[in-house]
Amino acid sequence: IDHVIRTALREQKPAYLDIACNVANAECTRPGPITALL
């Protein structure tokens, strides 16, 4: 997720993610402060 968002903002181009329907509600680490997006 971070790679896709960082790259879209850096390149000013669209990006893509697909997320398996049984993974969307799977437990995950909480994001920290946003970094490296400039």
PDB file of all heavy atoms in Angstrom:
ATOM      1  N   ILE A   1       0.841  -1.205   0.000  1.00  0.00           N
ATOM      2  CA  ILE A   1       0.000   0.000   0.000  1.00  0.00           C
ATOM      3  C   ILE A   1       0.876   1.255   0.000  1.00  0.00           C
ATOM      4  O   ILE A   1       0.651   2.187  -0.779  1.00  0.00           O
ATOM      5  CB  ILE A   1      -0.960  -0.011   1.208  1.00  0.00           C
ATOM      6  CG1 ILE A   1      -2.036  -1.093   1.024  1.00  0.00           C
ATOM      7  CG2 ILE A   1      -1.610   1.363   1.399  1.00  0.00           C
ATOM      8  CD1 ILE A   1      -2.875  -1.339   2.260  1.00  0.00           C
ATOM      9  N   ASP A   2       1.874   1.272   0.856  1.00  0.00           N
ATOM     10  CA  ASP A   2       2.748   2.447   0.936  1.00  0.00           C
ATOM     11  C   ASP A   2       3.517   2.658  -0.365  1.00  0.00           C
ATOM     12  O   ASP A   2       3.699   3.805  -0.816  1.00  0.00           O
ATOM     13  CB  ASP A   2       3.722   2.302   2.105  1.00  0.00           C
ATOM     14  CG  ASP A   2       3.054   2.536   3.453  1.00  0.00           C
ATOM     15  OD1 ASP A   2       1.828   2.804   3.475  1.00  0.00           O
ATOM     16  OD2 ASP A   2       3.744   2.449   4.482  1.00  0.00           O
ATOM     17  N   HIS A   3       3.969   1.576  -0.973  1.00  0.00           N
ATOM     18  CA  HIS A   3       4.706   1.696  -2.233  1.00  0.00           C
ATOM     19  C   HIS A   3       3.829   2.317  -3.323  1.00  0.00           C
ATOM     20  O   HIS A   3       4.273   3.225  -4.050  1.00  0.00           O
ATOM     21  CB  HIS A   3       5.183   0.308  -2.683  1.00  0.00           C
ATOM     22  CG  HIS A   3       5.653   0.268  -4.107  1.00  0.00           C
ATOM     23  ND1 HIS A   3       6.758   0.963  -4.545  1.00  0.00           N
ATOM     24  CD2 HIS A   3       5.150  -0.368  -5.201  1.00  0.00           C
ATOM     25  CE1 HIS A   3       6.924   0.749  -5.840  1.00  0.00           C
ATOM     26  NE2 HIS A   3       5.963  -0.045  -6.270  1.00  0.00           N
ATOM     27  N   VAL A   4       2.605   1.868  -3.420  1.00  0.00           N
ATOM     28  CA  VAL A   4       1.695   2.379  -4.448  1.00  0.00           C
ATOM     29  C   VAL A   4       1.397   3.859  -4.224  1.00  0.00           C
ATOM     30  O   VAL A   4       1.442   4.677  -5.156  1.00  0.00           O
ATOM     31  CB  VAL A   4       0.398   1.541  -4.471  1.00  0.00           C
ATOM     32  CG1 VAL A   4      -0.732   2.293  -5.156  1.00  0.00           C
ATOM     33  CG2 VAL A   4       0.643   0.210  -5.167  1.00  0.00           C
ATOM     34  N   ILE A   5       1.108   4.238  -2.989  1.00  0.00           N
ATOM     35  CA  ILE A   5       0.766   5.632  -2.699  1.00  0.00           C
ATOM     36  C   ILE A   5       1.973   6.544  -2.897  1.00  0.00           C
ATOM     37  O   ILE A   5       1.872   7.606  -3.519  1.00  0.00           O
ATOM     38  CB  ILE A   5       0.207   5.759  -1.266  1.00  0.00           C
ATOM     39  CG1 ILE A   5      -1.168   5.076  -1.176  1.00  0.00           C
ATOM     40  CG2 ILE A   5       0.092   7.228  -0.859  1.00  0.00           C
ATOM     41  CD1 ILE A   5      -1.748   5.043   0.226  1.00  0.00           C
ATOM     42  N   ARG A   6       3.126   6.119  -2.387  1.00  0.00           N
ATOM     43  CA  ARG A   6       4.337   6.930  -2.550  1.00  0.00           C
ATOM     44  C   ARG A   6       4.646   7.167  -4.032  1.00  0.00           C
ATOM     45  O   ARG A   6       4.950   8.291  -4.443  1.00  0.00           O
ATOM     46  CB  ARG A   6       5.544   6.228  -1.922  1.00  0.00           C
ATOM     47  CG  ARG A   6       5.620   6.281  -0.418  1.00  0.00           C
ATOM     48  CD  ARG A   6       6.994   5.813   0.032  1.00  0.00           C
ATOM     49  NE  ARG A   6       7.060   5.717   1.482  1.00  0.00           N
ATOM     50  CZ  ARG A   6       6.984   4.581   2.176  1.00  0.00           C
ATOM     51  NH1 ARG A   6       6.832   3.448   1.529  1.00  0.00           N
ATOM     52  NH2 ARG A   6       7.049   4.582   3.485  1.00  0.00           N
ATOM     53  N   THR A   7       4.564   6.107  -4.806  1.00  0.00           N
ATOM     54  CA  THR A   7       4.938   6.211  -6.212  1.00  0.00           C
ATOM     55  C   THR A   7       3.962   7.096  -6.977  1.00  0.00           C
ATOM     56  O   THR A   7       4.366   7.910  -7.822  1.00  0.00           O
ATOM     57  CB  THR A   7       5.022   4.820  -6.849  1.00  0.00           C
ATOM     58  OG1 THR A   7       5.854   3.984  -6.061  1.00  0.00           O
ATOM     59  CG2 THR A   7       5.587   4.893  -8.260  1.00  0.00           C
ATOM     60  N   ALA A   8       2.668   6.957  -6.697  1.00  0.00           N
ATOM     61  CA  ALA A   8       1.667   7.791  -7.374  1.00  0.00           C
ATOM     62  C   ALA A   8       1.905   9.270  -7.107  1.00  0.00           C
ATOM     63  O   ALA A   8       1.852  10.098  -8.028  1.00  0.00           O
ATOM     64  CB  ALA A   8       0.263   7.387  -6.934  1.00  0.00           C
ATOM     65  N   LEU A   9       2.194   9.621  -5.859  1.00  0.00           N
ATOM     66  CA  LEU A   9       2.397  11.026  -5.514  1.00  0.00           C
ATOM     67  C   LEU A   9       3.725  11.544  -6.053  1.00  0.00           C
ATOM     68  O   LEU A   9       3.820  12.687  -6.501  1.00  0.00           O
ATOM     69  CB  LEU A   9       2.329  11.212  -4.002  1.00  0.00           C
ATOM     70  CG  LEU A   9       0.959  10.946  -3.357  1.00  0.00           C
ATOM     71  CD1 LEU A   9       1.018  11.221  -1.865  1.00  0.00           C
ATOM     72  CD2 LEU A   9      -0.127  11.779  -4.000  1.00  0.00           C
ATOM     73  N   ARG A  10       4.736  10.701  -6.028  1.00  0.00           N
ATOM     74  CA  ARG A  10       6.045  11.135  -6.536  1.00  0.00           C
ATOM     75  C   ARG A  10       6.014  11.326  -8.051  1.00  0.00           C
ATOM     76  O   ARG A  10       6.520  12.317  -8.575  1.00  0.00           O
ATOM     77  CB  ARG A  10       7.113  10.116  -6.165  1.00  0.00           C
ATOM     78  CG  ARG A  10       8.517  10.548  -6.598  1.00  0.00           C
ATOM     79  CD  ARG A  10       9.571   9.505  -6.241  1.00  0.00           C
ATOM     80  NE  ARG A  10       9.411   8.276  -6.995  1.00  0.00           N
ATOM     81  CZ  ARG A  10       9.070   7.107  -6.475  1.00  0.00           C
ATOM     82  NH1 ARG A  10       8.835   7.005  -5.168  1.00  0.00           N
ATOM     83  NH2 ARG A  10       8.956   6.029  -7.221  1.00  0.00           N
ATOM     84  N   GLU A  11       5.398  10.389  -8.757  1.00  0.00           N
ATOM     85  CA  GLU A  11       5.391  10.426 -10.223  1.00  0.00           C
ATOM     86  C   GLU A  11       4.241  11.254 -10.779  1.00  0.00           C
ATOM     87  O   GLU A  11       4.224  11.557 -11.978  1.00  0.00           O
ATOM     88  CB  GLU A  11       5.315   8.998 -10.777  1.00  0.00           C
ATOM     89  CG  GLU A  11       6.461   8.094 -10.351  1.00  0.00           C
ATOM     90  CD  GLU A  11       7.803   8.592 -10.846  1.00  0.00           C
ATOM     91  OE1 GLU A  11       7.852   9.148 -11.953  1.00  0.00           O
ATOM     92  OE2 GLU A  11       8.803   8.420 -10.110  1.00  0.00           O
ATOM     93  N   GLN A  12       3.260  11.587  -9.941  1.00  0.00           N
ATOM     94  CA  GLN A  12       2.060  12.283 -10.421  1.00  0.00           C
ATOM     95  C   GLN A  12       1.395  11.484 -11.548  1.00  0.00           C
ATOM     96  O   GLN A  12       1.006  12.016 -12.588  1.00  0.00           O
ATOM     97  CB  GLN A  12       2.401  13.700 -10.866  1.00  0.00           C
ATOM     98  CG  GLN A  12       2.792  14.633  -9.729  1.00  0.00           C
ATOM     99  CD  GLN A  12       1.625  14.949  -8.797  1.00  0.00           C
ATOM    100  OE1 GLN A  12       0.708  15.677  -9.155  1.00  0.00           O
ATOM    101  NE2 GLN A  12       1.643  14.397  -7.588  1.00  0.00           N
ATOM    102  N   LYS A  13       1.255  10.200 -11.297  1.00  0.00           N
ATOM    103  CA  LYS A  13       0.629   9.260 -12.212  1.00  0.00           C
ATOM    104  C   LYS A  13      -0.293   8.338 -11.417  1.00  0.00           C
ATOM    105  O   LYS A  13      -0.159   8.196 -10.205  1.00  0.00           O
ATOM    106  CB  LYS A  13       1.684   8.409 -12.924  1.00  0.00           C
ATOM    107  CG  LYS A  13       2.627   9.176 -13.844  1.00  0.00           C
ATOM    108  CD  LYS A  13       1.950   9.605 -15.135  1.00  0.00           C
ATOM    109  CE  LYS A  13       2.954  10.189 -16.122  1.00  0.00           C
ATOM    110  NZ  LYS A  13       2.287  10.668 -17.368  1.00  0.00           N
ATOM    111  N   PRO A  14      -1.240   7.679 -12.084  1.00  0.00           N
ATOM    112  CA  PRO A  14      -2.126   6.756 -11.364  1.00  0.00           C
ATOM    113  C   PRO A  14      -1.401   5.493 -10.927  1.00  0.00           C
ATOM    114  O   PRO A  14      -0.339   5.142 -11.470  1.00  0.00           O
ATOM    115  CB  PRO A  14      -3.215   6.440 -12.394  1.00  0.00           C
ATOM    116  CG  PRO A  14      -2.550   6.641 -13.714  1.00  0.00           C
ATOM    117  CD  PRO A  14      -1.586   7.778 -13.509  1.00  0.00           C
ATOM    118  N   ALA A  15      -1.973   4.815  -9.942  1.00  0.00           N
ATOM    119  CA  ALA A  15      -1.432   3.564  -9.430  1.00  0.00           C
ATOM    120  C   ALA A  15      -2.588   2.608  -9.154  1.00  0.00           C
ATOM    121  O   ALA A  15      -3.759   3.005  -9.159  1.00  0.00           O
ATOM    122  CB  ALA A  15      -0.605   3.810  -8.183  1.00  0.00           C
ATOM    123  N   TYR A  16      -2.245   1.352  -8.900  1.00  0.00           N
ATOM    124  CA  TYR A  16      -3.274   0.302  -8.822  1.00  0.00           C
ATOM    125  C   TYR A  16      -2.993  -0.639  -7.666  1.00  0.00           C
ATOM    126  O   TYR A  16      -1.838  -0.992  -7.383  1.00  0.00           O
ATOM    127  CB  TYR A  16      -3.271  -0.480 -10.136  1.00  0.00           C
ATOM    128  CG  TYR A  16      -4.012  -1.799 -10.101  1.00  0.00           C
ATOM    129  CD1 TYR A  16      -5.365  -1.870 -10.407  1.00  0.00           C
ATOM    130  CD2 TYR A  16      -3.338  -2.974  -9.771  1.00  0.00           C
ATOM    131  CE1 TYR A  16      -6.042  -3.092 -10.384  1.00  0.00           C
ATOM    132  CE2 TYR A  16      -4.008  -4.200  -9.742  1.00  0.00           C
ATOM    133  CZ  TYR A  16      -5.352  -4.249 -10.044  1.00  0.00           C
ATOM    134  OH  TYR A  16      -6.020  -5.456 -10.023  1.00  0.00           O
ATOM    135  N   LEU A  17      -4.060  -1.052  -6.993  1.00  0.00           N
ATOM    136  CA  LEU A  17      -4.019  -2.094  -5.967  1.00  0.00           C
ATOM    137  C   LEU A  17      -5.187  -3.047  -6.197  1.00  0.00           C
ATOM    138  O   LEU A  17      -6.302  -2.586  -6.485  1.00  0.00           O
ATOM    139  CB  LEU A  17      -4.200  -1.500  -4.570  1.00  0.00           C
ATOM    140  CG  LEU A  17      -3.041  -0.863  -3.829  1.00  0.00           C
ATOM    141  CD1 LEU A  17      -3.565  -0.180  -2.569  1.00  0.00           C
ATOM    142  CD2 LEU A  17      -2.005  -1.928  -3.445  1.00  0.00           C
ATOM    143  N   ASP A  18      -4.960  -4.344  -6.067  1.00  0.00           N
ATOM    144  CA  ASP A  18      -6.116  -5.225  -5.845  1.00  0.00           C
ATOM    145  C   ASP A  18      -5.914  -5.947  -4.528  1.00  0.00           C
ATOM    146  O   ASP A  18      -4.791  -6.295  -4.147  1.00  0.00           O
ATOM    147  CB  ASP A  18      -6.369  -6.172  -7.018  1.00  0.00           C
ATOM    148  CG  ASP A  18      -5.291  -7.217  -7.249  1.00  0.00           C
ATOM    149  OD1 ASP A  18      -5.025  -8.012  -6.327  1.00  0.00           O
ATOM    150  OD2 ASP A  18      -4.732  -7.251  -8.363  1.00  0.00           O
ATOM    151  N   ILE A  19      -6.992  -6.092  -3.788  1.00  0.00           N
ATOM    152  CA  ILE A  19      -6.949  -6.651  -2.442  1.00  0.00           C
ATOM    153  C   ILE A  19      -7.938  -7.814  -2.391  1.00  0.00           C
ATOM    154  O   ILE A  19      -9.147  -7.624  -2.635  1.00  0.00           O
ATOM    155  CB  ILE A  19      -7.314  -5.601  -1.380  1.00  0.00           C
ATOM    156  CG1 ILE A  19      -6.343  -4.412  -1.458  1.00  0.00           C
ATOM    157  CG2 ILE A  19      -7.297  -6.212   0.018  1.00  0.00           C
ATOM    158  CD1 ILE A  19      -6.685  -3.272  -0.516  1.00  0.00           C
ATOM    159  N   ALA A  20      -7.447  -9.003  -2.114  1.00  0.00           N
ATOM    160  CA  ALA A  20      -8.307 -10.184  -2.048  1.00  0.00           C
ATOM    161  C   ALA A  20      -9.454  -9.955  -1.065  1.00  0.00           C
ATOM    162  O   ALA A  20      -9.266  -9.365   0.008  1.00  0.00           O
ATOM    163  CB  ALA A  20      -7.492 -11.407  -1.654  1.00  0.00           C
ATOM    164  N   CYS A  21     -10.634 -10.437  -1.435  1.00  0.00           N
ATOM    165  CA  CYS A  21     -11.821 -10.136  -0.623  1.00  0.00           C
ATOM    166  C   CYS A  21     -11.744 -10.714   0.785  1.00  0.00           C
ATOM    167  O   CYS A  21     -12.384 -10.183   1.702  1.00  0.00           O
ATOM    168  CB  CYS A  21     -13.080 -10.626  -1.342  1.00  0.00           C
ATOM    169  SG  CYS A  21     -13.094 -12.384  -1.715  1.00  0.00           S
ATOM    170  N   ASN A  22     -10.965 -11.771   0.974  1.00  0.00           N
ATOM    171  CA  ASN A  22     -10.832 -12.349   2.314  1.00  0.00           C
ATOM    172  C   ASN A  22      -9.629 -11.792   3.069  1.00  0.00           C
ATOM    173  O   ASN A  22      -9.326 -12.231   4.181  1.00  0.00           O
ATOM    174  CB  ASN A  22     -10.739 -13.872   2.231  1.00  0.00           C
ATOM    175  CG  ASN A  22      -9.518 -14.344   1.451  1.00  0.00           C
ATOM    176  OD1 ASN A  22      -9.093 -13.675   0.492  1.00  0.00           O
ATOM    177  ND2 ASN A  22      -8.959 -15.481   1.826  1.00  0.00           N
ATOM    178  N   VAL A  23      -8.939 -10.821   2.473  1.00  0.00           N
ATOM    179  CA  VAL A  23      -7.792 -10.188   3.128  1.00  0.00           C
ATOM    180  C   VAL A  23      -8.132  -8.775   3.581  1.00  0.00           C
ATOM    181  O   VAL A  23      -7.516  -8.238   4.498  1.00  0.00           O
ATOM    182  CB  VAL A  23      -6.569 -10.175   2.178  1.00  0.00           C
ATOM    183  CG1 VAL A  23      -5.408  -9.380   2.757  1.00  0.00           C
ATOM    184  CG2 VAL A  23      -6.125 -11.610   1.894  1.00  0.00           C
ATOM    185  N   ALA A  24      -9.164  -8.171   2.984  1.00  0.00           N
ATOM    186  CA  ALA A  24      -9.513  -6.776   3.292  1.00  0.00           C
ATOM    187  C   ALA A  24      -9.786  -6.571   4.774  1.00  0.00           C
ATOM    188  O   ALA A  24      -9.500  -5.506   5.332  1.00  0.00           O
ATOM    189  CB  ALA A  24     -10.722  -6.345   2.478  1.00  0.00           C
ATOM    190  N   ASN A  25     -10.351  -7.589   5.461  1.00  0.00           N
ATOM    191  CA  ASN A  25     -10.633  -7.451   6.892  1.00  0.00           C
ATOM    192  C   ASN A  25      -9.695  -8.285   7.747  1.00  0.00           C
ATOM    193  O   ASN A  25      -9.962  -8.521   8.931  1.00  0.00           O
ATOM    194  CB  ASN A  25     -12.087  -7.802   7.196  1.00  0.00           C
ATOM    195  CG  ASN A  25     -12.429  -9.242   6.847  1.00  0.00           C
ATOM    196  OD1 ASN A  25     -11.635  -9.945   6.204  1.00  0.00           O
ATOM    197  ND2 ASN A  25     -13.614  -9.687   7.250  1.00  0.00           N
ATOM    198  N   ALA A  26      -8.574  -8.719   7.163  1.00  0.00           N
ATOM    199  CA  ALA A  26      -7.580  -9.468   7.928  1.00  0.00           C
ATOM    200  C   ALA A  26      -6.754  -8.527   8.782  1.00  0.00           C
ATOM    201  O   ALA A  26      -6.517  -7.363   8.420  1.00  0.00           O
ATOM    202  CB  ALA A  26      -6.672 -10.251   6.976  1.00  0.00           C
ATOM    203  N   GLU A  27      -6.297  -9.031   9.927  1.00  0.00           N
ATOM    204  CA  GLU A  27      -5.572  -8.189  10.877  1.00  0.00           C
ATOM    205  C   GLU A  27      -4.236  -7.731  10.285  1.00  0.00           C
ATOM    206  O   GLU A  27      -3.543  -8.475   9.601  1.00  0.00           O
ATOM    207  CB  GLU A  27      -5.332  -8.952  12.172  1.00  0.00           C
ATOM    208  CG  GLU A  27      -4.794  -8.081  13.294  1.00  0.00           C
ATOM    209  CD  GLU A  27      -4.821  -8.782  14.638  1.00  0.00           C
ATOM    210  OE1 GLU A  27      -5.413  -9.877  14.727  1.00  0.00           O
ATOM    211  OE2 GLU A  27      -4.247  -8.215  15.592  1.00  0.00           O
ATOM    212  N   CYS A  28      -3.906  -6.483  10.612  1.00  0.00           N
ATOM    213  CA  CYS A  28      -2.747  -5.834   9.993  1.00  0.00           C
ATOM    214  C   CYS A  28      -2.164  -4.846  10.991  1.00  0.00           C
ATOM    215  O   CYS A  28      -2.861  -4.382  11.898  1.00  0.00           O
ATOM    216  CB  CYS A  28      -3.230  -5.128   8.723  1.00  0.00           C
ATOM    217  SG  CYS A  28      -2.071  -4.057   7.929  1.00  0.00           S
ATOM    218  N   THR A  29      -0.876  -4.518  10.830  1.00  0.00           N
ATOM    219  CA  THR A  29      -0.282  -3.504  11.697  1.00  0.00           C
ATOM    220  C   THR A  29      -0.878  -2.142  11.380  1.00  0.00           C
ATOM    221  O   THR A  29      -1.225  -1.842  10.234  1.00  0.00           O
ATOM    222  CB  THR A  29       1.234  -3.437  11.491  1.00  0.00           C
ATOM    223  OG1 THR A  29       1.496  -3.144  10.123  1.00  0.00           O
ATOM    224  CG2 THR A  29       1.894  -4.753  11.872  1.00  0.00           C
ATOM    225  N   ARG A  30      -0.980  -1.305  12.388  1.00  0.00           N
ATOM    226  CA  ARG A  30      -1.507   0.046  12.188  1.00  0.00           C
ATOM    227  C   ARG A  30      -0.421   0.937  11.589  1.00  0.00           C
ATOM    228  O   ARG A  30       0.734   0.867  11.997  1.00  0.00           O
ATOM    229  CB  ARG A  30      -1.989   0.633  13.510  1.00  0.00           C
ATOM    230  CG  ARG A  30      -2.642   2.000  13.340  1.00  0.00           C
ATOM    231  CD  ARG A  30      -3.403   2.437  14.563  1.00  0.00           C
ATOM    232  NE  ARG A  30      -4.170   3.639  14.276  1.00  0.00           N
ATOM    233  CZ  ARG A  30      -5.075   4.160  15.108  1.00  0.00           C
ATOM    234  NH1 ARG A  30      -5.343   3.572  16.249  1.00  0.00           N
ATOM    235  NH2 ARG A  30      -5.731   5.257  14.780  1.00  0.00           N
ATOM    236  N   PRO A  31      -0.792   1.804  10.632  1.00  0.00           N
ATOM    237  CA  PRO A  31       0.239   2.659  10.019  1.00  0.00           C
ATOM    238  C   PRO A  31       0.746   3.721  10.975  1.00  0.00           C
ATOM    239  O   PRO A  31      -0.003   4.266  11.776  1.00  0.00           O
ATOM    240  CB  PRO A  31      -0.491   3.302   8.832  1.00  0.00           C
ATOM    241  CG  PRO A  31      -1.939   3.273   9.214  1.00  0.00           C
ATOM    242  CD  PRO A  31      -2.114   2.025  10.023  1.00  0.00           C
ATOM    243  N   GLY A  32       2.036   3.995  10.880  1.00  0.00           N
ATOM    244  CA  GLY A  32       2.614   5.098  11.631  1.00  0.00           C
ATOM    245  C   GLY A  32       2.492   6.377  10.834  1.00  0.00           C
ATOM    246  O   GLY A  32       1.751   6.456   9.853  1.00  0.00           O
ATOM    247  N   PRO A  33       3.228   7.418  11.224  1.00  0.00           N
ATOM    248  CA  PRO A  33       3.209   8.678  10.470  1.00  0.00           C
ATOM    249  C   PRO A  33       3.634   8.437   9.026  1.00  0.00           C
ATOM    250  O   PRO A  33       4.476   7.587   8.745  1.00  0.00           O
ATOM    251  CB  PRO A  33       4.217   9.558  11.220  1.00  0.00           C
ATOM    252  CG  PRO A  33       4.317   8.943  12.574  1.00  0.00           C
ATOM    253  CD  PRO A  33       4.106   7.475  12.396  1.00  0.00           C
ATOM    254  N   ILE A  34       3.048   9.186   8.151  1.00  0.00           N
ATOM    255  CA  ILE A  34       3.369   9.018   6.738  1.00  0.00           C
ATOM    256  C   ILE A  34       4.767   9.554   6.471  1.00  0.00           C
ATOM    257  O   ILE A  34       5.165  10.594   6.997  1.00  0.00           O
ATOM    258  CB  ILE A  34       2.311   9.714   5.866  1.00  0.00           C
ATOM    259  CG1 ILE A  34       2.293   9.107   4.476  1.00  0.00           C
ATOM    260  CG2 ILE A  34       2.474  11.210   5.846  1.00  0.00           C
ATOM    261  CD1 ILE A  34       0.967   9.283   3.779  1.00  0.00           C
ATOM    262  N   THR A  35       5.551   8.817   5.703  1.00  0.00           N
ATOM    263  CA  THR A  35       6.939   9.199   5.441  1.00  0.00           C
ATOM    264  C   THR A  35       7.270   9.021   3.966  1.00  0.00           C
ATOM    265  O   THR A  35       6.608   8.285   3.246  1.00  0.00           O
ATOM    266  CB  THR A  35       7.915   8.331   6.258  1.00  0.00           C
ATOM    267  OG1 THR A  35       7.708   6.960   5.914  1.00  0.00           O
ATOM    268  CG2 THR A  35       7.706   8.525   7.753  1.00  0.00           C
ATOM    269  N   ALA A  36       8.298   9.689   3.536  1.00  0.00           N
ATOM    270  CA  ALA A  36       8.870   9.527   2.190  1.00  0.00           C
ATOM    271  C   ALA A  36       7.849   9.743   1.079  1.00  0.00           C
ATOM    272  O   ALA A  36       7.877   9.071   0.074  1.00  0.00           O
ATOM    273  CB  ALA A  36       9.507   8.145   2.059  1.00  0.00           C
ATOM    274  N   LEU A  37       6.950  10.691   1.275  1.00  0.00           N
ATOM    275  CA  LEU A  37       5.946  10.952   0.249  1.00  0.00           C
ATOM    276  C   LEU A  37       6.217  12.248  -0.508  1.00  0.00           C
ATOM    277  O   LEU A  37       5.462  12.606  -1.398  1.00  0.00           O
ATOM    278  CB  LEU A  37       4.553  11.019   0.876  1.00  0.00           C
ATOM    279  CG  LEU A  37       3.970   9.669   1.305  1.00  0.00           C
ATOM    280  CD1 LEU A  37       2.634   9.881   1.984  1.00  0.00           C
ATOM    281  CD2 LEU A  37       3.818   8.726   0.134  1.00  0.00           C
ATOM    282  N   LEU A  38       7.267  12.930  -0.158  1.00  0.00           N
ATOM    283  CA  LEU A  38       7.550  14.193  -0.828  1.00  0.00           C
ATOM    284  C   LEU A  38       8.202  13.952  -2.188  1.00  0.00           C
ATOM    285  O   LEU A  38       8.837  12.928  -2.423  1.00  0.00           O
ATOM    286  CB  LEU A  38       8.464  15.056   0.050  1.00  0.00           C
ATOM    287  CG  LEU A  38       7.891  15.441   1.420  1.00  0.00           C
ATOM    288  CD1 LEU A  38       8.912  16.255   2.198  1.00  0.00           C
ATOM    289  CD2 LEU A  38       6.597  16.227   1.266  1.00  0.00           C
TER     290      LEU A  38
END
